């Protein structure tokens, strides 16, 4: 199932149970999986047209009347077009708005280089009180959405739209503010997020064949960073490699480097886009082009040994 279908179906459940939850789109309801909600909830599934800043302002206004709006658009627009509204109207004003940015990084594929956001986390991470969350798979998103509704305050959800590999099974238990230790290891810590979690898991299997024990940790919430889990892993392995579908400037690598440089300096490496713009292509080609595959992660680990 595509992640946008999961988002749409889970929002339908949540909106059926909580009359304060609403959705707002900026002419991308079909693309983002919320189209059917307008038939089931005509008064709470809105569309403002191609007007993202207006969508953000309407959401902040609804929040001031007690609603919990989820607004959705492509991640490039969510970060670049409405950063000021997220800062002033949501975070500074202490409003309870959830921003869904879809197609992050290389998952934008054929939409064009301008629509391939490698900068959304970096743009938004410096806004105080904003929580930044990126699901690894459908099961995690299903469990995350109710917790995000219950968390008062602005949240940015960095979400793929299409099919992503399964990472977690039905026994998985999600905590919005606790990173997932997927597998324990002693030689290197692979701190990963989003679609690169499945690549990190594959990399750990390859490293195991080479006699290297990798600890894989899914850092689904980049802000606030789960410092306890990251520090514990770094102290165990003394070698950290971050894996993200984002610019290495401003994202997961920066967040982890800021923490470790202050509290536990150790060897670090990074997988991500190296300060460059997006390019047009299909996902299997792009993940190789931007050196984000499991083999690239393995090479980065070996480079640092």
C-alpha atoms as a PDB file:
ATOM      1  CA  UNK A   1       0.000   0.000   0.000  1.00  0.00           C
ATOM      2  CA  UNK A   2       1.217   3.529  -0.724  1.00  0.00           C
ATOM      3  CA  UNK A   3       2.026   5.678   2.282  1.00  0.00           C
ATOM      4  CA  UNK A   4      -0.442   8.364   1.159  1.00  0.00           C
ATOM      5  CA  UNK A   5      -3.215   5.746   1.262  1.00  0.00           C
ATOM      6  CA  UNK A   6      -2.234   4.902   4.822  1.00  0.00           C
ATOM      7  CA  UNK A   7      -2.272   8.598   5.681  1.00  0.00           C
ATOM      8  CA  UNK A   8      -5.744   9.067   4.174  1.00  0.00           C
ATOM      9  CA  UNK A   9      -7.267   5.986   5.825  1.00  0.00           C
ATOM     10  CA  UNK A  10      -5.762   6.747   9.249  1.00  0.00           C
ATOM     11  CA  UNK A  11      -6.946  10.352   9.074  1.00  0.00           C
ATOM     12  CA  UNK A  12     -10.429   9.073   8.295  1.00  0.00           C
ATOM     13  CA  UNK A  13     -10.348   6.982  11.499  1.00  0.00           C
ATOM     14  CA  UNK A  14      -8.993   9.858  13.542  1.00  0.00           C
ATOM     15  CA  UNK A  15     -11.514  12.374  12.166  1.00  0.00           C
ATOM     16  CA  UNK A  16     -14.352   9.929  12.865  1.00  0.00           C
ATOM     17  CA  UNK A  17     -13.269   9.733  16.500  1.00  0.00           C
ATOM     18  CA  UNK A  18     -12.250  13.360  17.065  1.00  0.00           C
ATOM     19  CA  UNK A  19     -14.499  16.132  15.676  1.00  0.00           C
ATOM     20  CA  UNK A  20     -11.755  18.690  16.305  1.00  0.00           C
ATOM     21  CA  UNK A  21      -9.365  17.188  13.734  1.00  0.00           C
ATOM     22  CA  UNK A  22      -9.569  18.641  10.222  1.00  0.00           C
ATOM     23  CA  UNK A  23      -7.516  18.551   7.016  1.00  0.00           C
ATOM     24  CA  UNK A  24      -6.624  21.334   4.602  1.00  0.00           C
ATOM     25  CA  UNK A  25      -5.061  20.953   1.161  1.00  0.00           C
ATOM     26  CA  UNK A  26      -3.570  23.345  -1.354  1.00  0.00           C
ATOM     27  CA  UNK A  27      -4.826  21.683  -4.555  1.00  0.00           C
ATOM     28  CA  UNK A  28      -2.928  18.432  -3.911  1.00  0.00           C
ATOM     29  CA  UNK A  29      -5.617  16.331  -2.223  1.00  0.00           C
ATOM     30  CA  UNK A  30      -5.523  13.667  -4.947  1.00  0.00           C
ATOM     31  CA  UNK A  31      -1.731  13.543  -4.814  1.00  0.00           C
ATOM     32  CA  UNK A  32      -1.521  13.356  -1.031  1.00  0.00           C
ATOM     33  CA  UNK A  33      -4.291  10.829  -0.294  1.00  0.00           C
ATOM     34  CA  UNK A  34      -6.862  13.127   1.317  1.00  0.00           C
ATOM     35  CA  UNK A  35      -9.286  13.468  -1.611  1.00  0.00           C
ATOM     36  CA  UNK A  36     -11.925  11.070  -0.217  1.00  0.00           C
ATOM     37  CA  UNK A  37     -12.029  12.874   3.129  1.00  0.00           C
ATOM     38  CA  UNK A  38     -13.919  15.799   1.607  1.00  0.00           C
ATOM     39  CA  UNK A  39     -16.869  13.478   0.836  1.00  0.00           C
ATOM     40  CA  UNK A  40     -16.950  12.015   4.349  1.00  0.00           C
ATOM     41  CA  UNK A  41     -16.226  15.235   6.210  1.00  0.00           C
ATOM     42  CA  UNK A  42     -17.338  18.120   3.948  1.00  0.00           C
ATOM     43  CA  UNK A  43     -17.079  20.629   6.807  1.00  0.00           C
ATOM     44  CA  UNK A  44     -13.647  19.460   8.014  1.00  0.00           C
ATOM     45  CA  UNK A  45     -11.744  18.499   4.845  1.00  0.00           C
ATOM     46  CA  UNK A  46     -11.006  21.778   3.116  1.00  0.00           C
ATOM     47  CA  UNK A  47      -9.056  22.948   0.059  1.00  0.00           C
ATOM     48  CA  UNK A  48      -7.760  26.490  -0.343  1.00  0.00           C
ATOM     49  CA  UNK A  49      -6.414  26.085  -3.872  1.00  0.00           C
ATOM     50  CA  UNK A  50      -2.810  26.763  -4.865  1.00  0.00           C
ATOM     51  CA  UNK A  51      -2.219  29.088  -1.925  1.00  0.00           C
ATOM     52  CA  UNK A  52       0.065  27.422   0.614  1.00  0.00           C
ATOM     53  CA  UNK A  53       0.679  30.447   2.875  1.00  0.00           C
ATOM     54  CA  UNK A  54      -3.097  31.009   3.011  1.00  0.00           C
ATOM     55  CA  UNK A  55      -3.550  27.320   3.909  1.00  0.00           C
ATOM     56  CA  UNK A  56      -1.138  27.767   6.804  1.00  0.00           C
ATOM     57  CA  UNK A  57      -2.892  30.928   7.983  1.00  0.00           C
ATOM     58  CA  UNK A  58      -6.326  29.298   7.839  1.00  0.00           C
ATOM     59  CA  UNK A  59      -4.961  26.336   9.826  1.00  0.00           C
ATOM     60  CA  UNK A  60      -3.508  28.608  12.503  1.00  0.00           C
ATOM     61  CA  UNK A  61      -6.830  30.421  12.748  1.00  0.00           C
ATOM     62  CA  UNK A  62      -8.761  27.156  13.112  1.00  0.00           C
ATOM     63  CA  UNK A  63      -6.308  26.049  15.802  1.00  0.00           C
ATOM     64  CA  UNK A  64      -7.027  29.202  17.782  1.00  0.00           C
ATOM     65  CA  UNK A  65     -10.665  28.011  17.917  1.00  0.00           C
ATOM     66  CA  UNK A  66      -9.663  24.584  19.231  1.00  0.00           C
ATOM     67  CA  UNK A  67      -9.350  22.604  16.010  1.00  0.00           C
ATOM     68  CA  UNK A  68      -6.363  20.366  15.205  1.00  0.00           C
ATOM     69  CA  UNK A  69      -5.638  21.016  11.519  1.00  0.00           C
ATOM     70  CA  UNK A  70      -3.442  18.755   9.362  1.00  0.00           C
ATOM     71  CA  UNK A  71      -2.285  20.678   6.286  1.00  0.00           C
ATOM     72  CA  UNK A  72      -0.573  18.883   3.432  1.00  0.00           C
ATOM     73  CA  UNK A  73       1.426  19.818   0.359  1.00  0.00           C
ATOM     74  CA  UNK A  74       4.693  18.788  -1.265  1.00  0.00           C
ATOM     75  CA  UNK A  75       7.609  19.071   1.175  1.00  0.00           C
ATOM     76  CA  UNK A  76       9.320  21.672  -1.014  1.00  0.00           C
ATOM     77  CA  UNK A  77       6.324  23.989  -0.588  1.00  0.00           C
ATOM     78  CA  UNK A  78       5.791  23.113   3.078  1.00  0.00           C
ATOM     79  CA  UNK A  79       9.319  24.179   3.966  1.00  0.00           C
ATOM     80  CA  UNK A  80      10.137  26.993   1.551  1.00  0.00           C
ATOM     81  CA  UNK A  81       6.764  28.670   0.923  1.00  0.00           C
ATOM     82  CA  UNK A  82       5.288  28.632   4.417  1.00  0.00           C
ATOM     83  CA  UNK A  83       8.338  28.760   6.689  1.00  0.00           C
ATOM     84  CA  UNK A  84       7.311  32.198   7.938  1.00  0.00           C
ATOM     85  CA  UNK A  85       3.749  31.074   8.669  1.00  0.00           C
ATOM     86  CA  UNK A  86       5.094  28.023  10.529  1.00  0.00           C
ATOM     87  CA  UNK A  87       7.341  30.328  12.542  1.00  0.00           C
ATOM     88  CA  UNK A  88       4.943  33.201  13.294  1.00  0.00           C
ATOM     89  CA  UNK A  89       1.397  31.851  13.023  1.00  0.00           C
ATOM     90  CA  UNK A  90       2.019  28.335  14.368  1.00  0.00           C
ATOM     91  CA  UNK A  91       5.107  28.067  16.611  1.00  0.00           C
ATOM     92  CA  UNK A  92       5.359  31.623  17.976  1.00  0.00           C
ATOM     93  CA  UNK A  93       1.589  31.819  18.392  1.00  0.00           C
ATOM     94  CA  UNK A  94       1.566  28.399  20.143  1.00  0.00           C
ATOM     95  CA  UNK A  95      -0.987  26.911  17.750  1.00  0.00           C
ATOM     96  CA  UNK A  96      -1.661  23.219  17.334  1.00  0.00           C
ATOM     97  CA  UNK A  97      -1.126  22.684  13.596  1.00  0.00           C
ATOM     98  CA  UNK A  98       0.374  19.613  11.925  1.00  0.00           C
ATOM     99  CA  UNK A  99       2.199  20.187   8.617  1.00  0.00           C
ATOM    100  CA  UNK A 100       2.525  17.230   6.237  1.00  0.00           C
ATOM    101  CA  UNK A 101       5.267  17.640   3.615  1.00  0.00           C
ATOM    102  CA  UNK A 102       5.207  14.869   1.013  1.00  0.00           C
ATOM    103  CA  UNK A 103       7.807  13.561  -1.444  1.00  0.00           C
ATOM    104  CA  UNK A 104      10.934  14.452   0.533  1.00  0.00           C
ATOM    105  CA  UNK A 105      14.318  14.262  -1.178  1.00  0.00           C
ATOM    106  CA  UNK A 106      14.738  11.748  -3.960  1.00  0.00           C
ATOM    107  CA  UNK A 107      11.197  10.408  -3.515  1.00  0.00           C
ATOM    108  CA  UNK A 108      10.043  13.445  -5.557  1.00  0.00           C
ATOM    109  CA  UNK A 109      11.458  11.560  -8.578  1.00  0.00           C
ATOM    110  CA  UNK A 110      10.086  13.058 -11.815  1.00  0.00           C
ATOM    111  CA  UNK A 111       8.537  16.202 -10.310  1.00  0.00           C
ATOM    112  CA  UNK A 112      11.685  18.154 -11.068  1.00  0.00           C
ATOM    113  CA  UNK A 113      14.751  19.461  -9.282  1.00  0.00           C
ATOM    114  CA  UNK A 114      12.871  22.391  -7.739  1.00  0.00           C
ATOM    115  CA  UNK A 115      10.369  19.931  -6.220  1.00  0.00           C
ATOM    116  CA  UNK A 116      13.070  17.675  -4.720  1.00  0.00           C
ATOM    117  CA  UNK A 117      13.466  18.967  -1.168  1.00  0.00           C
ATOM    118  CA  UNK A 118      16.796  18.247   0.442  1.00  0.00           C
ATOM    119  CA  UNK A 119      16.481  21.354   2.593  1.00  0.00           C
ATOM    120  CA  UNK A 120      13.151  21.062   4.436  1.00  0.00           C
ATOM    121  CA  UNK A 121      14.524  19.728   7.741  1.00  0.00           C
ATOM    122  CA  UNK A 122      17.347  22.258   7.678  1.00  0.00           C
ATOM    123  CA  UNK A 123      14.932  25.098   6.949  1.00  0.00           C
ATOM    124  CA  UNK A 124      12.525  24.190   9.738  1.00  0.00           C
ATOM    125  CA  UNK A 125      14.783  22.714  12.435  1.00  0.00           C
ATOM    126  CA  UNK A 126      15.727  26.106  13.882  1.00  0.00           C
ATOM    127  CA  UNK A 127      12.095  27.053  14.586  1.00  0.00           C
ATOM    128  CA  UNK A 128      11.565  26.716  18.357  1.00  0.00           C
ATOM    129  CA  UNK A 129       9.081  24.094  19.635  1.00  0.00           C
ATOM    130  CA  UNK A 130       8.547  22.555  16.175  1.00  0.00           C
ATOM    131  CA  UNK A 131       8.665  18.747  16.249  1.00  0.00           C
ATOM    132  CA  UNK A 132      10.082  17.150  13.079  1.00  0.00           C
ATOM    133  CA  UNK A 133       9.113  13.548  12.370  1.00  0.00           C
ATOM    134  CA  UNK A 134       9.830  11.250   9.392  1.00  0.00           C
ATOM    135  CA  UNK A 135       8.191   7.784   9.217  1.00  0.00           C
ATOM    136  CA  UNK A 136      10.204   4.766   8.141  1.00  0.00           C
ATOM    137  CA  UNK A 137       7.243   2.702   6.938  1.00  0.00           C
ATOM    138  CA  UNK A 138       3.471   2.395   6.908  1.00  0.00           C
ATOM    139  CA  UNK A 139       3.170   0.643  10.280  1.00  0.00           C
ATOM    140  CA  UNK A 140       5.096   3.392  12.000  1.00  0.00           C
ATOM    141  CA  UNK A 141       2.994   6.107  10.366  1.00  0.00           C
ATOM    142  CA  UNK A 142      -0.198   4.329  11.514  1.00  0.00           C
ATOM    143  CA  UNK A 143       1.005   4.373  15.098  1.00  0.00           C
ATOM    144  CA  UNK A 144       2.495   7.859  14.902  1.00  0.00           C
ATOM    145  CA  UNK A 145      -0.554   9.813  13.748  1.00  0.00           C
ATOM    146  CA  UNK A 146      -2.655   9.334  16.944  1.00  0.00           C
ATOM    147  CA  UNK A 147       0.361  10.338  19.069  1.00  0.00           C
ATOM    148  CA  UNK A 148       0.885  13.410  16.904  1.00  0.00           C
ATOM    149  CA  UNK A 149      -2.780  14.359  17.415  1.00  0.00           C
ATOM    150  CA  UNK A 150      -2.317  13.997  21.192  1.00  0.00           C
ATOM    151  CA  UNK A 151       0.856  16.106  21.211  1.00  0.00           C
ATOM    152  CA  UNK A 152      -0.096  19.779  21.552  1.00  0.00           C
ATOM    153  CA  UNK A 153       1.985  22.019  19.304  1.00  0.00           C
ATOM    154  CA  UNK A 154       3.228  22.275  15.727  1.00  0.00           C
ATOM    155  CA  UNK A 155       4.601  19.109  14.126  1.00  0.00           C
ATOM    156  CA  UNK A 156       6.214  18.709  10.706  1.00  0.00           C
ATOM    157  CA  UNK A 157       5.646  15.252   9.179  1.00  0.00           C
ATOM    158  CA  UNK A 158       8.112  14.467   6.372  1.00  0.00           C
ATOM    159  CA  UNK A 159       6.300  11.731   4.488  1.00  0.00           C
ATOM    160  CA  UNK A 160       6.719   9.678   1.338  1.00  0.00           C
ATOM    161  CA  UNK A 161       3.648   9.323  -0.841  1.00  0.00           C
ATOM    162  CA  UNK A 162       4.323   6.014  -2.543  1.00  0.00           C
ATOM    163  CA  UNK A 163       5.209   2.442  -1.570  1.00  0.00           C
ATOM    164  CA  UNK A 164       8.107   2.094   0.869  1.00  0.00           C
ATOM    165  CA  UNK A 165       9.692  -1.126   2.204  1.00  0.00           C
ATOM    166  CA  UNK A 166       8.215  -2.585   5.400  1.00  0.00           C
ATOM    167  CA  UNK A 167      10.507  -2.197   8.392  1.00  0.00           C
ATOM    168  CA  UNK A 168       8.278  -2.965  11.362  1.00  0.00           C
ATOM    169  CA  UNK A 169       5.814  -5.754  12.115  1.00  0.00           C
ATOM    170  CA  UNK A 170       2.550  -5.767  14.081  1.00  0.00           C
ATOM    171  CA  UNK A 171       4.429  -6.145  17.400  1.00  0.00           C
ATOM    172  CA  UNK A 172       6.137  -2.787  16.939  1.00  0.00           C
ATOM    173  CA  UNK A 173       5.457  -0.125  19.594  1.00  0.00           C
ATOM    174  CA  UNK A 174       6.052   3.477  18.569  1.00  0.00           C
ATOM    175  CA  UNK A 175       7.075   6.364  20.814  1.00  0.00           C
ATOM    176  CA  UNK A 176       7.178   9.774  19.134  1.00  0.00           C
ATOM    177  CA  UNK A 177      10.114  10.921  21.256  1.00  0.00           C
ATOM    178  CA  UNK A 178      12.125   7.678  21.444  1.00  0.00           C
ATOM    179  CA  UNK A 179      14.358   6.413  18.632  1.00  0.00           C
ATOM    180  CA  UNK A 180      14.053   2.744  17.626  1.00  0.00           C
ATOM    181  CA  UNK A 181      17.019   0.433  18.223  1.00  0.00           C
ATOM    182  CA  UNK A 182      16.324  -1.953  15.344  1.00  0.00           C
ATOM    183  CA  UNK A 183      19.400  -4.113  15.890  1.00  0.00           C
ATOM    184  CA  UNK A 184      22.222  -3.935  18.397  1.00  0.00           C
ATOM    185  CA  UNK A 185      25.890  -3.820  17.418  1.00  0.00           C
ATOM    186  CA  UNK A 186      29.312  -2.965  18.810  1.00  0.00           C
ATOM    187  CA  UNK A 187      31.496  -1.600  15.965  1.00  0.00           C
ATOM    188  CA  UNK A 188      29.491   1.187  14.297  1.00  0.00           C
ATOM    189  CA  UNK A 189      26.187   3.010  14.839  1.00  0.00           C
ATOM    190  CA  UNK A 190      24.026   3.538  11.751  1.00  0.00           C
ATOM    191  CA  UNK A 191      21.670   6.378  12.662  1.00  0.00           C
ATOM    192  CA  UNK A 192      19.079   6.518   9.920  1.00  0.00           C
ATOM    193  CA  UNK A 193      15.724   8.065   9.081  1.00  0.00           C
ATOM    194  CA  UNK A 194      12.962   7.752   6.474  1.00  0.00           C
ATOM    195  CA  UNK A 195      13.522   5.576   3.421  1.00  0.00           C
ATOM    196  CA  UNK A 196      17.167   5.078   4.331  1.00  0.00           C
ATOM    197  CA  UNK A 197      16.217   2.932   7.326  1.00  0.00           C
ATOM    198  CA  UNK A 198      15.686  -0.079   5.061  1.00  0.00           C
ATOM    199  CA  UNK A 199      19.006   0.663   3.315  1.00  0.00           C
ATOM    200  CA  UNK A 200      20.785   0.819   6.675  1.00  0.00           C
ATOM    201  CA  UNK A 201      19.301  -2.559   7.653  1.00  0.00           C
ATOM    202  CA  UNK A 202      20.607  -4.061   4.400  1.00  0.00           C
ATOM    203  CA  UNK A 203      23.995  -2.412   5.011  1.00  0.00           C
ATOM    204  CA  UNK A 204      24.182  -3.938   8.498  1.00  0.00           C
ATOM    205  CA  UNK A 205      23.662  -7.410   6.977  1.00  0.00           C
ATOM    206  CA  UNK A 206      26.489  -6.822   4.480  1.00  0.00           C
ATOM    207  CA  UNK A 207      28.766  -5.531   7.235  1.00  0.00           C
ATOM    208  CA  UNK A 208      28.022  -8.587   9.357  1.00  0.00           C
ATOM    209  CA  UNK A 209      29.382 -10.787   6.553  1.00  0.00           C
ATOM    210  CA  UNK A 210      32.568  -8.710   6.748  1.00  0.00           C
ATOM    211  CA  UNK A 211      32.837  -9.257  10.494  1.00  0.00           C
ATOM    212  CA  UNK A 212      31.619  -5.759  11.427  1.00  0.00           C
ATOM    213  CA  UNK A 213      28.833  -5.435  13.993  1.00  0.00           C
ATOM    214  CA  UNK A 214      26.514  -2.522  13.158  1.00  0.00           C
ATOM    215  CA  UNK A 215      23.892  -1.056  15.470  1.00  0.00           C
ATOM    216  CA  UNK A 216      20.927   0.251  13.464  1.00  0.00           C
ATOM    217  CA  UNK A 217      18.863   3.024  15.040  1.00  0.00           C
ATOM    218  CA  UNK A 218      15.858   4.625  13.397  1.00  0.00           C
ATOM    219  CA  UNK A 219      15.884   8.299  14.392  1.00  0.00           C
ATOM    220  CA  UNK A 220      12.330   8.984  13.232  1.00  0.00           C
ATOM    221  CA  UNK A 221      12.059  12.217  15.206  1.00  0.00           C
ATOM    222  CA  UNK A 222      14.909  14.498  14.224  1.00  0.00           C
ATOM    223  CA  UNK A 223      13.705  17.240  16.572  1.00  0.00           C
ATOM    224  CA  UNK A 224      13.727  16.892  19.495  1.00  0.00           C
ATOM    225  CA  UNK A 225      16.570  14.409  19.067  1.00  0.00           C
ATOM    226  CA  UNK A 226      16.502  11.381  21.383  1.00  0.00           C
ATOM    227  CA  UNK A 227      19.863  12.294  22.912  1.00  0.00           C
ATOM    228  CA  UNK A 228      19.862   9.412  25.393  1.00  0.00           C
ATOM    229  CA  UNK A 229      19.671   6.700  22.722  1.00  0.00           C
ATOM    230  CA  UNK A 230      22.137   8.407  20.367  1.00  0.00           C
ATOM    231  CA  UNK A 231      24.692   8.995  23.116  1.00  0.00           C
ATOM    232  CA  UNK A 232      24.397   5.444  24.457  1.00  0.00           C
ATOM    233  CA  UNK A 233      25.065   4.007  21.007  1.00  0.00           C
ATOM    234  CA  UNK A 234      27.976   6.377  20.272  1.00  0.00           C
ATOM    235  CA  UNK A 235      29.636   5.475  23.582  1.00  0.00           C
ATOM    236  CA  UNK A 236      29.296   1.804  22.716  1.00  0.00           C
ATOM    237  CA  UNK A 237      30.704   1.922  19.160  1.00  0.00           C
ATOM    238  CA  UNK A 238      32.765   5.161  18.984  1.00  0.00           C
ATOM    239  CA  UNK A 239      31.848   5.351  15.294  1.00  0.00           C
ATOM    240  CA  UNK A 240      28.625   6.917  14.006  1.00  0.00           C
ATOM    241  CA  UNK A 241      27.361   7.104  10.411  1.00  0.00           C
ATOM    242  CA  UNK A 242      24.176   9.063   9.728  1.00  0.00           C
ATOM    243  CA  UNK A 243      21.941   8.077   6.786  1.00  0.00           C
ATOM    244  CA  UNK A 244      19.342  10.540   5.489  1.00  0.00           C
ATOM    245  CA  UNK A 245      17.456  11.431   2.323  1.00  0.00           C
ATOM    246  CA  UNK A 246      18.297  15.117   2.891  1.00  0.00           C
ATOM    247  CA  UNK A 247      21.127  17.597   2.563  1.00  0.00           C
ATOM    248  CA  UNK A 248      23.899  16.622   4.986  1.00  0.00           C
ATOM    249  CA  UNK A 249      23.759  20.287   6.039  1.00  0.00           C
ATOM    250  CA  UNK A 250      20.987  21.032   8.511  1.00  0.00           C
ATOM    251  CA  UNK A 251      19.399  17.594   8.819  1.00  0.00           C
ATOM    252  CA  UNK A 252      20.056  14.437  10.823  1.00  0.00           C
ATOM    253  CA  UNK A 253      23.842  14.620  10.445  1.00  0.00           C
ATOM    254  CA  UNK A 254      23.909  18.188  11.737  1.00  0.00           C
ATOM    255  CA  UNK A 255      21.632  17.347  14.674  1.00  0.00           C
ATOM    256  CA  UNK A 256      23.770  14.347  15.702  1.00  0.00           C
ATOM    257  CA  UNK A 257      27.060  16.215  15.143  1.00  0.00           C
ATOM    258  CA  UNK A 258      25.869  19.098  17.315  1.00  0.00           C
ATOM    259  CA  UNK A 259      25.103  16.655  20.126  1.00  0.00           C
ATOM    260  CA  UNK A 260      28.247  14.523  19.877  1.00  0.00           C
ATOM    261  CA  UNK A 261      30.658  17.440  19.440  1.00  0.00           C
ATOM    262  CA  UNK A 262      29.495  18.732  22.811  1.00  0.00           C
ATOM    263  CA  UNK A 263      28.880  15.559  24.808  1.00  0.00           C
ATOM    264  CA  UNK A 264      30.846  12.706  23.221  1.00  0.00           C
ATOM    265  CA  UNK A 265      33.141  13.503  20.257  1.00  0.00           C
ATOM    266  CA  UNK A 266      33.783  10.376  18.194  1.00  0.00           C
ATOM    267  CA  UNK A 267      34.377   9.251  14.628  1.00  0.00           C
ATOM    268  CA  UNK A 268      31.537  10.285  12.292  1.00  0.00           C
ATOM    269  CA  UNK A 269      30.506   9.728   8.687  1.00  0.00           C
ATOM    270  CA  UNK A 270      27.471  10.818   6.708  1.00  0.00           C
ATOM    271  CA  UNK A 271      25.246   9.586   3.883  1.00  0.00           C
ATOM    272  CA  UNK A 272      22.963  12.122   2.202  1.00  0.00           C
ATOM    273  CA  UNK A 273      22.880  14.801  -0.478  1.00  0.00           C
ATOM    274  CA  UNK A 274      26.146  16.726  -0.367  1.00  0.00           C
ATOM    275  CA  UNK A 275      24.891  20.327  -0.587  1.00  0.00           C
ATOM    276  CA  UNK A 276      23.407  20.040  -4.053  1.00  0.00           C
ATOM    277  CA  UNK A 277      20.068  20.536  -5.789  1.00  0.00           C
ATOM    278  CA  UNK A 278      17.682  17.756  -6.732  1.00  0.00           C
ATOM    279  CA  UNK A 279      17.593  16.145 -10.161  1.00  0.00           C
ATOM    280  CA  UNK A 280      14.924  14.494 -12.276  1.00  0.00           C
ATOM    281  CA  UNK A 281      14.876  10.698 -12.344  1.00  0.00           C
ATOM    282  CA  UNK A 282      13.246   7.536 -11.054  1.00  0.00           C
ATOM    283  CA  UNK A 283      13.897   6.327  -7.528  1.00  0.00           C
ATOM    284  CA  UNK A 284      16.135   3.316  -8.314  1.00  0.00           C
ATOM    285  CA  UNK A 285      18.396   5.551 -10.375  1.00  0.00           C
ATOM    286  CA  UNK A 286      18.360   8.497  -7.979  1.00  0.00           C
ATOM    287  CA  UNK A 287      19.310   6.489  -4.892  1.00  0.00           C
ATOM    288  CA  UNK A 288      22.419   5.319  -6.759  1.00  0.00           C
ATOM    289  CA  UNK A 289      23.104   8.750  -8.262  1.00  0.00           C
ATOM    290  CA  UNK A 290      23.049  10.406  -4.838  1.00  0.00           C
ATOM    291  CA  UNK A 291      25.035   7.544  -3.225  1.00  0.00           C
ATOM    292  CA  UNK A 292      22.394   6.582  -0.666  1.00  0.00           C
ATOM    293  CA  UNK A 293      22.295   2.801  -1.202  1.00  0.00           C
ATOM    294  CA  UNK A 294      23.216   0.064   1.271  1.00  0.00           C
ATOM    295  CA  UNK A 295      26.499  -0.403  -0.608  1.00  0.00           C
ATOM    296  CA  UNK A 296      27.250   3.306  -0.204  1.00  0.00           C
ATOM    297  CA  UNK A 297      26.601   3.026   3.548  1.00  0.00           C
ATOM    298  CA  UNK A 298      28.940   0.033   3.755  1.00  0.00           C
ATOM    299  CA  UNK A 299      31.646   1.947   1.856  1.00  0.00           C
ATOM    300  CA  UNK A 300      31.260   4.919   4.214  1.00  0.00           C
ATOM    301  CA  UNK A 301      31.640   2.655   7.244  1.00  0.00           C
ATOM    302  CA  UNK A 302      34.764   1.000   5.802  1.00  0.00           C
ATOM    303  CA  UNK A 303      36.196   4.410   4.886  1.00  0.00           C
ATOM    304  CA  UNK A 304      36.051   5.436   8.534  1.00  0.00           C
ATOM    305  CA  UNK A 305      37.709   2.360   9.975  1.00  0.00           C
END
